[in-house]
Each structure stands twice: as C-alpha cells, then as structure tokens.
Protein backbone atom coordinates (compact mmCIF):
# COMPACT_ATOMS: atom_id res chain seq x y z
CA MET A 1 217.84 111.79 104.12
CA GLN A 2 217.60 114.70 106.56
CA ARG A 3 217.40 118.33 105.52
CA LEU A 4 219.77 121.01 106.76
CA PRO A 5 218.03 124.30 107.64
CA ILE A 6 220.33 126.89 106.03
CA PHE A 7 219.22 130.01 107.97
CA GLU A 8 219.43 128.26 111.35
CA THR A 9 222.78 126.75 110.42
CA VAL A 10 224.26 130.13 109.50
CA LEU A 11 222.68 132.15 112.32
CA ARG A 12 223.69 129.65 115.02
CA GLY A 13 227.17 129.06 113.58
CA ILE A 14 226.54 125.34 113.18
CA LYS A 15 229.33 123.43 111.44
CA VAL A 16 228.73 120.26 109.46
CA VAL A 17 231.70 117.91 109.36
CA GLY A 18 231.89 114.51 107.73
CA SER A 19 234.33 111.69 107.29
CA PHE A 20 234.53 108.79 104.89
CA VAL A 21 237.04 106.96 107.08
CA GLY A 22 236.25 104.94 110.18
CA THR A 23 233.37 104.65 112.58
CA ARG A 24 232.59 106.31 115.89
CA VAL A 25 234.12 103.28 117.60
CA ASP A 26 237.32 103.72 115.55
CA LEU A 27 237.45 107.39 116.57
CA ALA A 28 236.93 106.55 120.25
CA GLU A 29 239.70 103.93 120.08
CA THR A 30 242.01 106.46 118.44
CA PHE A 31 241.33 108.97 121.22
CA ASP A 32 242.04 106.25 123.80
CA LEU A 33 245.37 105.43 122.12
CA HIS A 34 246.33 109.09 122.15
CA ALA A 35 245.27 109.51 125.79
CA ASP A 36 247.54 106.55 126.65
CA GLY A 37 250.47 108.35 124.96
CA ARG A 38 250.69 105.80 122.14
CA THR A 39 250.28 108.36 119.35
CA ARG A 40 251.62 111.84 118.75
CA PHE A 41 250.25 114.82 116.90
CA VAL A 42 252.35 116.34 114.12
CA ARG A 43 251.37 119.59 112.45
CA GLU A 44 253.07 121.44 109.63
CA SER A 45 252.02 124.48 107.63
CA ARG A 46 252.53 124.31 103.88
CA LYS A 47 251.81 126.60 100.98
CA LEU A 48 248.95 125.52 98.74
CA GLU A 49 251.41 124.94 95.90
CA GLN A 50 253.04 122.22 98.03
CA VAL A 51 249.87 120.16 98.48
CA ASN A 52 250.87 117.36 96.09
CA LYS A 53 254.27 116.98 97.73
CA ALA A 54 252.66 116.97 101.20
CA VAL A 55 250.21 114.22 100.21
CA THR A 56 253.03 112.14 98.75
CA GLU A 57 255.01 112.55 101.98
CA LEU A 58 251.97 111.43 104.01
CA GLU A 59 251.53 108.36 101.83
CA ASN A 60 255.20 107.49 102.30
CA GLY A 61 255.04 107.86 106.07
C-alpha cells in the first residue's frame, strides 16, 4: 500500500480518483468508441432528493 502525503496533496491541488469498474484497457476502448461516434454523452442535473429515481432510470436504460 502506498501512502498519500496530505500536505502535498492539498497544496498542489492533487485529486485522487478511483473506480471499481473496468480496467485501463476498458477505458481506452470506451474512449475509442466515443471518438468513432459510436457513443453519446448525456448529462442531466437533478436535485439531491431525486437521486433514487435517477438511479432507477439509469438501471432501466
């Protein structure tokens, strides 16, 4: 396990992002699909109270 230096992280504005889904290869393939125009990006803003409904809608496509 590696340690994360807190002061350096804060002072340099370093962001730590993780994912439990997919590999780097999966991500690269997804970017390639999008670059080829085979996917599209959909964005919607919702109120926090609507989170359960939004997740249900995602699960239902």
